[in-house]
Amino acid sequence: MEKPPDAEGNPTTGIPPASLIIHRYYDESSQWFGDGTARNIREYAKRLSDLILAVRRLVYKPAKGAPTTPDTFKCHLIAHSMGGLVARAFLQNSEPR
């Protein structure tokens, strides 16, 4: 799939800003997809943080423009049940990232 150019017609790199990214935190703990070992919720929250930082790096960037910064990057978290607890642990984490 060809990526759309920026407002000035220059090529862009990365993923579209409106991408839907699914964090399957439980796969590593699954006996089928992982090692079957449950982790501490803080570990799941750290991995969610790592994923969000990776997405921020990958969001479309103009070839000649400035990269996405913490001030311009937006992320909408949608979580349910245990995923909600992981998201809450991520949001309440005091470690700067």
PDB file of N, CA and C in Angstrom:
ATOM      1  N   MET A   1       0.834  -1.170   0.000  1.00  0.00           N
ATOM      2  CA  MET A   1       0.000   0.000   0.000  1.00  0.00           C
ATOM      3  C   MET A   1       0.886   1.243   0.000  1.00  0.00           C
ATOM      4  N   GLU A   2       0.654   2.126  -0.928  1.00  0.00           N
ATOM      5  CA  GLU A   2       1.439   3.350  -1.028  1.00  0.00           C
ATOM      6  C   GLU A   2       0.972   4.358   0.016  1.00  0.00           C
ATOM      7  N   LYS A   3       1.927   4.964   0.684  1.00  0.00           N
ATOM      8  CA  LYS A   3       1.594   5.945   1.717  1.00  0.00           C
ATOM      9  C   LYS A   3       1.278   7.291   1.070  1.00  0.00           C
ATOM     10  N   PRO A   4       0.282   8.008   1.586  1.00  0.00           N
ATOM     11  CA  PRO A   4      -0.061   9.300   1.003  1.00  0.00           C
ATOM     12  C   PRO A   4       1.026  10.333   1.277  1.00  0.00           C
ATOM     13  N   PRO A   5       1.200  11.305   0.384  1.00  0.00           N
ATOM     14  CA  PRO A   5       2.188  12.357   0.618  1.00  0.00           C
ATOM     15  C   PRO A   5       1.703  13.314   1.709  1.00  0.00           C
ATOM     16  N   ASP A   6       2.640  14.115   2.213  1.00  0.00           N
ATOM     17  CA  ASP A   6       2.248  15.120   3.197  1.00  0.00           C
ATOM     18  C   ASP A   6       1.571  16.293   2.488  1.00  0.00           C
ATOM     19  N   ALA A   7       1.271  17.350   3.218  1.00  0.00           N
ATOM     20  CA  ALA A   7       0.541  18.496   2.664  1.00  0.00           C
ATOM     21  C   ALA A   7       1.295  19.182   1.533  1.00  0.00           C
ATOM     22  N   GLU A   8       2.621  19.043   1.499  1.00  0.00           N
ATOM     23  CA  GLU A   8       3.433  19.664   0.448  1.00  0.00           C
ATOM     24  C   GLU A   8       3.769  18.696  -0.678  1.00  0.00           C
ATOM     25  N   GLY A   9       3.224  17.488  -0.629  1.00  0.00           N
ATOM     26  CA  GLY A   9       3.472  16.508  -1.682  1.00  0.00           C
ATOM     27  C   GLY A   9       4.706  15.658  -1.473  1.00  0.00           C
ATOM     28  N   ASN A  10       5.368  15.814  -0.347  1.00  0.00           N
ATOM     29  CA  ASN A  10       6.561  15.022  -0.056  1.00  0.00           C
ATOM     30  C   ASN A  10       6.160  13.644   0.458  1.00  0.00           C
ATOM     31  N   PRO A  11       7.005  12.637   0.230  1.00  0.00           N
ATOM     32  CA  PRO A  11       6.676  11.292   0.717  1.00  0.00           C
ATOM     33  C   PRO A  11       6.677  11.241   2.242  1.00  0.00           C
ATOM     34  N   THR A  12       5.925  10.318   2.788  1.00  0.00           N
ATOM     35  CA  THR A  12       5.869  10.120   4.229  1.00  0.00           C
ATOM     36  C   THR A  12       6.350   8.716   4.561  1.00  0.00           C
ATOM     37  N   THR A  13       6.709   8.522   5.808  1.00  0.00           N
ATOM     38  CA  THR A  13       7.125   7.204   6.274  1.00  0.00           C
ATOM     39  C   THR A  13       6.309   6.854   7.506  1.00  0.00           C
ATOM     40  N   GLY A  14       6.241   5.597   7.837  1.00  0.00           N
ATOM     41  CA  GLY A  14       5.558   5.180   9.052  1.00  0.00           C
ATOM     42  C   GLY A  14       4.140   4.713   8.818  1.00  0.00           C
ATOM     43  N   ILE A  15       3.359   4.720   9.891  1.00  0.00           N
ATOM     44  CA  ILE A  15       1.974   4.251   9.839  1.00  0.00           C
ATOM     45  C   ILE A  15       1.020   5.438   9.911  1.00  0.00           C
ATOM     46  N   PRO A  16      -0.213   5.286   9.415  1.00  0.00           N
ATOM     47  CA  PRO A  16      -1.171   6.392   9.474  1.00  0.00           C
ATOM     48  C   PRO A  16      -1.475   6.788  10.923  1.00  0.00           C
ATOM     49  N   PRO A  17      -1.642   8.087  11.189  1.00  0.00           N
ATOM     50  CA  PRO A  17      -1.935   8.537  12.550  1.00  0.00           C
ATOM     51  C   PRO A  17      -3.210   7.928  13.131  1.00  0.00           C
ATOM     52  N   ALA A  18      -4.166   7.589  12.304  1.00  0.00           N
ATOM     53  CA  ALA A  18      -5.440   7.049  12.797  1.00  0.00           C
ATOM     54  C   ALA A  18      -5.449   5.522  12.831  1.00  0.00           C
ATOM     55  N   SER A  19      -4.294   4.910  12.938  1.00  0.00           N
ATOM     56  CA  SER A  19      -4.211   3.448  12.965  1.00  0.00           C
ATOM     57  C   SER A  19      -4.810   2.878  14.246  1.00  0.00           C
ATOM     58  N   LEU A  20      -5.374   1.698  14.124  1.00  0.00           N
ATOM     59  CA  LEU A  20      -5.892   0.959  15.271  1.00  0.00           C
ATOM     60  C   LEU A  20      -4.852  -0.100  15.625  1.00  0.00           C
ATOM     61  N   ILE A  21      -4.296  -0.001  16.803  1.00  0.00           N
ATOM     62  CA  ILE A  21      -3.266  -0.929  17.263  1.00  0.00           C
ATOM     63  C   ILE A  21      -3.848  -1.722  18.431  1.00  0.00           C
ATOM     64  N   ILE A  22      -3.752  -3.025  18.379  1.00  0.00           N
ATOM     65  CA  ILE A  22      -4.283  -3.872  19.443  1.00  0.00           C
ATOM     66  C   ILE A  22      -3.115  -4.460  20.227  1.00  0.00           C
ATOM     67  N   HIS A  23      -3.113  -4.204  21.515  1.00  0.00           N
ATOM     68  CA  HIS A  23      -2.074  -4.743  22.401  1.00  0.00           C
ATOM     69  C   HIS A  23      -2.616  -6.016  23.039  1.00  0.00           C
ATOM     70  N   ARG A  24      -2.109  -7.139  22.609  1.00  0.00           N
ATOM     71  CA  ARG A  24      -2.566  -8.430  23.132  1.00  0.00           C
ATOM     72  C   ARG A  24      -1.625  -8.834  24.268  1.00  0.00           C
ATOM     73  N   TYR A  25      -1.784  -8.152  25.390  1.00  0.00           N
ATOM     74  CA  TYR A  25      -0.890  -8.341  26.530  1.00  0.00           C
ATOM     75  C   TYR A  25      -0.887  -9.779  27.040  1.00  0.00           C
ATOM     76  N   TYR A  26      -1.962 -10.490  26.829  1.00  0.00           N
ATOM     77  CA  TYR A  26      -2.122 -11.826  27.405  1.00  0.00           C
ATOM     78  C   TYR A  26      -1.488 -12.928  26.564  1.00  0.00           C
ATOM     79  N   ASP A  27      -1.063 -12.642  25.339  1.00  0.00           N
ATOM     80  CA  ASP A  27      -0.486 -13.689  24.488  1.00  0.00           C
ATOM     81  C   ASP A  27       0.742 -14.351  25.110  1.00  0.00           C
ATOM     82  N   GLU A  28       1.623 -13.561  25.715  1.00  0.00           N
ATOM     83  CA  GLU A  28       2.839 -14.132  26.293  1.00  0.00           C
ATOM     84  C   GLU A  28       2.539 -15.062  27.462  1.00  0.00           C
ATOM     85  N   SER A  29       1.406 -14.847  28.121  1.00  0.00           N
ATOM     86  CA  SER A  29       1.028 -15.693  29.257  1.00  0.00           C
ATOM     87  C   SER A  29       0.218 -16.913  28.839  1.00  0.00           C
ATOM     88  N   SER A  30      -0.158 -16.965  27.591  1.00  0.00           N
ATOM     89  CA  SER A  30      -0.964 -18.067  27.081  1.00  0.00           C
ATOM     90  C   SER A  30      -0.118 -19.330  26.937  1.00  0.00           C
ATOM     91  N   GLN A  31      -0.714 -20.458  27.236  1.00  0.00           N
ATOM     92  CA  GLN A  31      -0.003 -21.718  27.025  1.00  0.00           C
ATOM     93  C   GLN A  31       0.117 -22.030  25.540  1.00  0.00           C
ATOM     94  N   TRP A  32      -0.758 -21.473  24.721  1.00  0.00           N
ATOM     95  CA  TRP A  32      -0.704 -21.730  23.282  1.00  0.00           C
ATOM     96  C   TRP A  32       0.241 -20.777  22.560  1.00  0.00           C
ATOM     97  N   PHE A  33       0.257 -19.508  22.955  1.00  0.00           N
ATOM     98  CA  PHE A  33       1.040 -18.499  22.238  1.00  0.00           C
ATOM     99  C   PHE A  33       2.271 -18.028  22.997  1.00  0.00           C
ATOM    100  N   GLY A  34       2.373 -18.374  24.257  1.00  0.00           N
ATOM    101  CA  GLY A  34       3.496 -17.918  25.070  1.00  0.00           C
ATOM    102  C   GLY A  34       4.057 -19.045  25.900  1.00  0.00           C
ATOM    103  N   ASP A  35       4.546 -18.673  27.070  1.00  0.00           N
ATOM    104  CA  ASP A  35       5.169 -19.682  27.924  1.00  0.00           C
ATOM    105  C   ASP A  35       4.260 -20.157  29.057  1.00  0.00           C
ATOM    106  N   GLY A  36       3.032 -19.643  29.110  1.00  0.00           N
ATOM    107  CA  GLY A  36       2.082 -20.082  30.119  1.00  0.00           C
ATOM    108  C   GLY A  36       2.292 -19.466  31.493  1.00  0.00           C
ATOM    109  N   THR A  37       3.186 -18.491  31.588  1.00  0.00           N
ATOM    110  CA  THR A  37       3.492 -17.855  32.861  1.00  0.00           C
ATOM    111  C   THR A  37       2.798 -16.503  32.963  1.00  0.00           C
ATOM    112  N   ALA A  38       1.959 -16.346  33.985  1.00  0.00           N
ATOM    113  CA  ALA A  38       1.306 -15.054  34.212  1.00  0.00           C
ATOM    114  C   ALA A  38       2.330 -14.059  34.737  1.00  0.00           C
ATOM    115  N   ARG A  39       2.173 -12.803  34.360  1.00  0.00           N
ATOM    116  CA  ARG A  39       3.080 -11.751  34.799  1.00  0.00           C
ATOM    117  C   ARG A  39       2.375 -10.788  35.746  1.00  0.00           C
ATOM    118  N   ASN A  40       3.166 -10.010  36.432  1.00  0.00           N
ATOM    119  CA  ASN A  40       2.655  -8.958  37.289  1.00  0.00           C
ATOM    120  C   ASN A  40       2.006  -7.887  36.407  1.00  0.00           C
ATOM    121  N   ILE A  41       0.944  -7.274  36.874  1.00  0.00           N
ATOM    122  CA  ILE A  41       0.235  -6.277  36.071  1.00  0.00           C
ATOM    123  C   ILE A  41       1.149  -5.106  35.706  1.00  0.00           C
ATOM    124  N   ARG A  42       2.125  -4.807  36.554  1.00  0.00           N
ATOM    125  CA  ARG A  42       3.072  -3.727  36.231  1.00  0.00           C
ATOM    126  C   ARG A  42       3.890  -4.065  34.987  1.00  0.00           C
ATOM    127  N   GLU A  43       4.207  -5.336  34.807  1.00  0.00           N
ATOM    128  CA  GLU A  43       4.945  -5.759  33.608  1.00  0.00           C
ATOM    129  C   GLU A  43       4.084  -5.572  32.364  1.00  0.00           C
ATOM    130  N   TYR A  44       2.810  -5.930  32.451  1.00  0.00           N
ATOM    131  CA  TYR A  44       1.905  -5.705  31.323  1.00  0.00           C
ATOM    132  C   TYR A  44       1.790  -4.212  31.020  1.00  0.00           C
ATOM    133  N   ALA A  45       1.717  -3.387  32.069  1.00  0.00           N
ATOM    134  CA  ALA A  45       1.610  -1.935  31.888  1.00  0.00           C
ATOM    135  C   ALA A  45       2.870  -1.379  31.236  1.00  0.00           C
ATOM    136  N   LYS A  46       4.038  -1.888  31.627  1.00  0.00           N
ATOM    137  CA  LYS A  46       5.288  -1.438  31.012  1.00  0.00           C
ATOM    138  C   LYS A  46       5.308  -1.792  29.530  1.00  0.00           C
ATOM    139  N   ARG A  47       4.824  -2.961  29.197  1.00  0.00           N
ATOM    140  CA  ARG A  47       4.801  -3.369  27.787  1.00  0.00           C
ATOM    141  C   ARG A  47       3.806  -2.533  26.987  1.00  0.00           C
ATOM    142  N   LEU A  48       2.702  -2.131  27.614  1.00  0.00           N
ATOM    143  CA  LEU A  48       1.773  -1.212  26.956  1.00  0.00           C
ATOM    144  C   LEU A  48       2.466   0.121  26.702  1.00  0.00           C
ATOM    145  N   SER A  49       3.213   0.607  27.672  1.00  0.00           N
ATOM    146  CA  SER A  49       3.974   1.843  27.510  1.00  0.00           C
ATOM    147  C   SER A  49       4.973   1.722  26.362  1.00  0.00           C
ATOM    148  N   ASP A  50       5.689   0.608  26.306  1.00  0.00           N
ATOM    149  CA  ASP A  50       6.653   0.377  25.222  1.00  0.00           C
ATOM    150  C   ASP A  50       5.959   0.387  23.864  1.00  0.00           C
ATOM    151  N   LEU A  51       4.780  -0.226  23.788  1.00  0.00           N
ATOM    152  CA  LEU A  51       4.031  -0.253  22.530  1.00  0.00           C
ATOM    153  C   LEU A  51       3.622   1.158  22.115  1.00  0.00           C
ATOM    154  N   ILE A  52       3.126   1.950  23.051  1.00  0.00           N
ATOM    155  CA  ILE A  52       2.705   3.317  22.728  1.00  0.00           C
ATOM    156  C   ILE A  52       3.894   4.146  22.254  1.00  0.00           C
ATOM    157  N   LEU A  53       5.042   3.991  22.888  1.00  0.00           N
ATOM    158  CA  LEU A  53       6.238   4.713  22.445  1.00  0.00           C
ATOM    159  C   LEU A  53       6.659   4.269  21.046  1.00  0.00           C
ATOM    160  N   ALA A  54       6.547   2.981  20.759  1.00  0.00           N
ATOM    161  CA  ALA A  54       6.883   2.479  19.419  1.00  0.00           C
ATOM    162  C   ALA A  54       5.928   3.048  18.379  1.00  0.00           C
ATOM    163  N   VAL A  55       4.644   3.105  18.704  1.00  0.00           N
ATOM    164  CA  VAL A  55       3.662   3.670  17.774  1.00  0.00           C
ATOM    165  C   VAL A  55       3.972   5.140  17.534  1.00  0.00           C
ATOM    166  N   ARG A  56       4.323   5.863  18.593  1.00  0.00           N
ATOM    167  CA  ARG A  56       4.661   7.290  18.434  1.00  0.00           C
ATOM    168  C   ARG A  56       5.824   7.464  17.464  1.00  0.00           C
ATOM    169  N   ARG A  57       6.811   6.572  17.533  1.00  0.00           N
ATOM    170  CA  ARG A  57       7.951   6.653  16.605  1.00  0.00           C
ATOM    171  C   ARG A  57       7.546   6.317  15.176  1.00  0.00           C
ATOM    172  N   LEU A  58       6.531   5.465  15.010  1.00  0.00           N
ATOM    173  CA  LEU A  58       6.162   4.972  13.687  1.00  0.00           C
ATOM    174  C   LEU A  58       5.106   5.796  12.962  1.00  0.00           C
ATOM    175  N   VAL A  59       4.431   6.699  13.663  1.00  0.00           N
ATOM    176  CA  VAL A  59       3.380   7.489  13.014  1.00  0.00           C
ATOM    177  C   VAL A  59       3.994   8.285  11.873  1.00  0.00           C
ATOM    178  N   TYR A  60       3.239   8.411  10.780  1.00  0.00           N
ATOM    179  CA  TYR A  60       3.708   9.136   9.594  1.00  0.00           C
ATOM    180  C   TYR A  60       4.536  10.360   9.945  1.00  0.00           C
ATOM    181  N   LYS A  61       5.626  10.504   9.237  1.00  0.00           N
ATOM    182  CA  LYS A  61       6.460  11.686   9.380  1.00  0.00           C
ATOM    183  C   LYS A  61       6.723  12.247   7.987  1.00  0.00           C
ATOM    184  N   PRO A  62       6.579  13.547   7.793  1.00  0.00           N
ATOM    185  CA  PRO A  62       6.948  14.124   6.504  1.00  0.00           C
ATOM    186  C   PRO A  62       8.438  13.903   6.252  1.00  0.00           C
ATOM    187  N   ALA A  63       8.796  13.675   5.004  1.00  0.00           N
ATOM    188  CA  ALA A  63      10.196  13.430   4.671  1.00  0.00           C
ATOM    189  C   ALA A  63      11.082  14.598   5.094  1.00  0.00           C
ATOM    190  N   LYS A  64      10.577  15.817   4.968  1.00  0.00           N
ATOM    191  CA  LYS A  64      11.368  16.996   5.326  1.00  0.00           C
ATOM    192  C   LYS A  64      10.886  17.655   6.611  1.00  0.00           C
ATOM    193  N   GLY A  65       9.918  17.068   7.251  1.00  0.00           N
ATOM    194  CA  GLY A  65       9.332  17.695   8.430  1.00  0.00           C
ATOM    195  C   GLY A  65       9.898  17.170   9.729  1.00  0.00           C
ATOM    196  N   ALA A  66       9.402  17.734  10.792  1.00  0.00           N
ATOM    197  CA  ALA A  66       9.834  17.337  12.126  1.00  0.00           C
ATOM    198  C   ALA A  66       9.141  16.040  12.533  1.00  0.00           C
ATOM    199  N   PRO A  67       9.826  15.206  13.286  1.00  0.00           N
ATOM    200  CA  PRO A  67       9.180  13.974  13.750  1.00  0.00           C
ATOM    201  C   PRO A  67       8.068  14.284  14.748  1.00  0.00           C
ATOM    202  N   THR A  68       7.230  13.306  14.979  1.00  0.00           N
ATOM    203  CA  THR A  68       6.177  13.443  15.973  1.00  0.00           C
ATOM    204  C   THR A  68       6.828  13.688  17.331  1.00  0.00           C
ATOM    205  N   THR A  69       6.281  14.615  18.080  1.00  0.00           N
ATOM    206  CA  THR A  69       6.815  14.930  19.404  1.00  0.00           C
ATOM    207  C   THR A  69       5.775  14.565  20.458  1.00  0.00           C
ATOM    208  N   PRO A  70       6.177  14.507  21.716  1.00  0.00           N
ATOM    209  CA  PRO A  70       5.186  14.234  22.760  1.00  0.00           C
ATOM    210  C   PRO A  70       4.041  15.246  22.759  1.00  0.00           C
ATOM    211  N   ASP A  71       4.308  16.471  22.310  1.00  0.00           N
ATOM    212  CA  ASP A  71       3.261  17.497  22.277  1.00  0.00           C
ATOM    213  C   ASP A  71       2.260  17.292  21.149  1.00  0.00           C
ATOM    214  N   THR A  72       2.670  16.631  20.066  1.00  0.00           N
ATOM    215  CA  THR A  72       1.774  16.467  18.919  1.00  0.00           C
ATOM    216  C   THR A  72       1.176  15.071  18.807  1.00  0.00           C
ATOM    217  N   PHE A  73       1.715  14.109  19.532  1.00  0.00           N
ATOM    218  CA  PHE A  73       1.225  12.733  19.453  1.00  0.00           C
ATOM    219  C   PHE A  73       0.002  12.555  20.341  1.00  0.00           C
ATOM    220  N   LYS A  74      -1.021  11.889  19.806  1.00  0.00           N
ATOM    221  CA  LYS A  74      -2.220  11.580  20.581  1.00  0.00           C
ATOM    222  C   LYS A  74      -2.479  10.083  20.501  1.00  0.00           C
ATOM    223  N   CYS A  75      -2.926   9.536  21.613  1.00  0.00           N
ATOM    224  CA  CYS A  75      -3.233   8.114  21.684  1.00  0.00           C
ATOM    225  C   CYS A  75      -4.521   7.949  22.475  1.00  0.00           C
ATOM    226  N   HIS A  76      -5.492   7.270  21.905  1.00  0.00           N
ATOM    227  CA  HIS A  76      -6.749   6.989  22.591  1.00  0.00           C
ATOM    228  C   HIS A  76      -6.703   5.543  23.068  1.00  0.00           C
ATOM    229  N   LEU A  77      -6.787   5.339  24.368  1.00  0.00           N
ATOM    230  CA  LEU A  77      -6.782   3.991  24.931  1.00  0.00           C
ATOM    231  C   LEU A  77      -8.214   3.520  25.128  1.00  0.00           C
ATOM    232  N   ILE A  78      -8.497   2.338  24.643  1.00  0.00           N
ATOM    233  CA  ILE A  78      -9.790   1.698  24.870  1.00  0.00           C
ATOM    234  C   ILE A  78      -9.479   0.345  25.490  1.00  0.00           C
ATOM    235  N   ALA A  79     -10.035   0.096  26.652  1.00  0.00           N
ATOM    236  CA  ALA A  79      -9.714  -1.141  27.360  1.00  0.00           C
ATOM    237  C   ALA A  79     -10.955  -1.683  28.044  1.00  0.00           C
ATOM    238  N   HIS A  80     -10.929  -2.980  28.300  1.00  0.00           N
ATOM    239  CA  HIS A  80     -12.072  -3.637  28.926  1.00  0.00           C
ATOM    240  C   HIS A  80     -11.550  -4.694  29.892  1.00  0.00           C
ATOM    241  N   SER A  81     -12.196  -4.811  31.025  1.00  0.00           N
ATOM    242  CA  SER A  81     -11.923  -5.869  31.987  1.00  0.00           C
ATOM    243  C   SER A  81     -10.452  -5.846  32.420  1.00  0.00           C
ATOM    244  N   MET A  82      -9.745  -6.946  32.291  1.00  0.00           N
ATOM    245  CA  MET A  82      -8.343  -6.998  32.702  1.00  0.00           C
ATOM    246  C   MET A  82      -7.512  -5.979  31.926  1.00  0.00           C
ATOM    247  N   GLY A  83      -7.848  -5.764  30.659  1.00  0.00           N
ATOM    248  CA  GLY A  83      -7.155  -4.744  29.872  1.00  0.00           C
ATOM    249  C   GLY A  83      -7.335  -3.362  30.476  1.00  0.00           C
ATOM    250  N   GLY A  84      -8.495  -3.122  31.090  1.00  0.00           N
ATOM    251  CA  GLY A  84      -8.728  -1.861  31.782  1.00  0.00           C
ATOM    252  C   GLY A  84      -7.816  -1.706  32.987  1.00  0.00           C
ATOM    253  N   LEU A  85      -7.569  -2.805  33.685  1.00  0.00           N
ATOM    254  CA  LEU A  85      -6.642  -2.765  34.821  1.00  0.00           C
ATOM    255  C   LEU A  85      -5.215  -2.513  34.351  1.00  0.00           C
ATOM    256  N   VAL A  86      -4.848  -3.109  33.224  1.00  0.00           N
ATOM    257  CA  VAL A  86      -3.521  -2.870  32.647  1.00  0.00           C
ATOM    258  C   VAL A  86      -3.396  -1.401  32.250  1.00  0.00           C
ATOM    259  N   ALA A  87      -4.422  -0.866  31.572  1.00  0.00           N
ATOM    260  CA  ALA A  87      -4.396   0.540  31.160  1.00  0.00           C
ATOM    261  C   ALA A  87      -4.318   1.461  32.376  1.00  0.00           C
ATOM    262  N   ARG A  88      -5.074   1.149  33.427  1.00  0.00           N
ATOM    263  CA  ARG A  88      -5.032   1.974  34.638  1.00  0.00           C
ATOM    264  C   ARG A  88      -3.644   1.924  35.272  1.00  0.00           C
ATOM    265  N   ALA A  89      -3.038   0.741  35.332  1.00  0.00           N
ATOM    266  CA  ALA A  89      -1.686   0.623  35.885  1.00  0.00           C
ATOM    267  C   ALA A  89      -0.697   1.438  35.055  1.00  0.00           C
ATOM    268  N   PHE A  90      -0.868   1.440  33.743  1.00  0.00           N
ATOM    269  CA  PHE A  90      -0.019   2.244  32.863  1.00  0.00           C
ATOM    270  C   PHE A  90      -0.196   3.733  33.162  1.00  0.00           C
ATOM    271  N   LEU A  91      -1.442   4.178  33.259  1.00  0.00           N
ATOM    272  CA  LEU A  91      -1.722   5.600  33.481  1.00  0.00           C
ATOM    273  C   LEU A  91      -1.281   6.075  34.864  1.00  0.00           C
ATOM    274  N   GLN A  92      -1.295   5.190  35.845  1.00  0.00           N
ATOM    275  CA  GLN A  92      -0.911   5.563  37.205  1.00  0.00           C
ATOM    276  C   GLN A  92       0.574   5.360  37.481  1.00  0.00           C
ATOM    277  N   ASN A  93       1.308   4.869  36.512  1.00  0.00           N
ATOM    278  CA  ASN A  93       2.728   4.612  36.678  1.00  0.00           C
ATOM    279  C   ASN A  93       3.472   5.933  36.853  1.00  0.00           C
ATOM    280  N   SER A  94       4.338   5.993  37.844  1.00  0.00           N
ATOM    281  CA  SER A  94       5.065   7.234  38.109  1.00  0.00           C
ATOM    282  C   SER A  94       6.399   7.316  37.371  1.00  0.00           C
ATOM    283  N   GLU A  95       6.808   6.241  36.702  1.00  0.00           N
ATOM    284  CA  GLU A  95       8.073   6.278  35.967  1.00  0.00           C
ATOM    285  C   GLU A  95       7.928   7.146  34.727  1.00  0.00           C
ATOM    286  N   PRO A  96       8.830   8.120  34.537  1.00  0.00           N
ATOM    287  CA  PRO A  96       8.744   8.937  33.316  1.00  0.00           C
ATOM    288  C   PRO A  96       9.139   8.127  32.090  1.00  0.00           C
ATOM    289  N   ARG A  97       8.367   8.266  30.983  1.00  0.00           N
ATOM    290  CA  ARG A  97       8.656   7.528  29.752  1.00  0.00           C
ATOM    291  C   ARG A  97       8.310   8.372  28.576  1.00  0.00           C
TER     292      ARG A  97
END
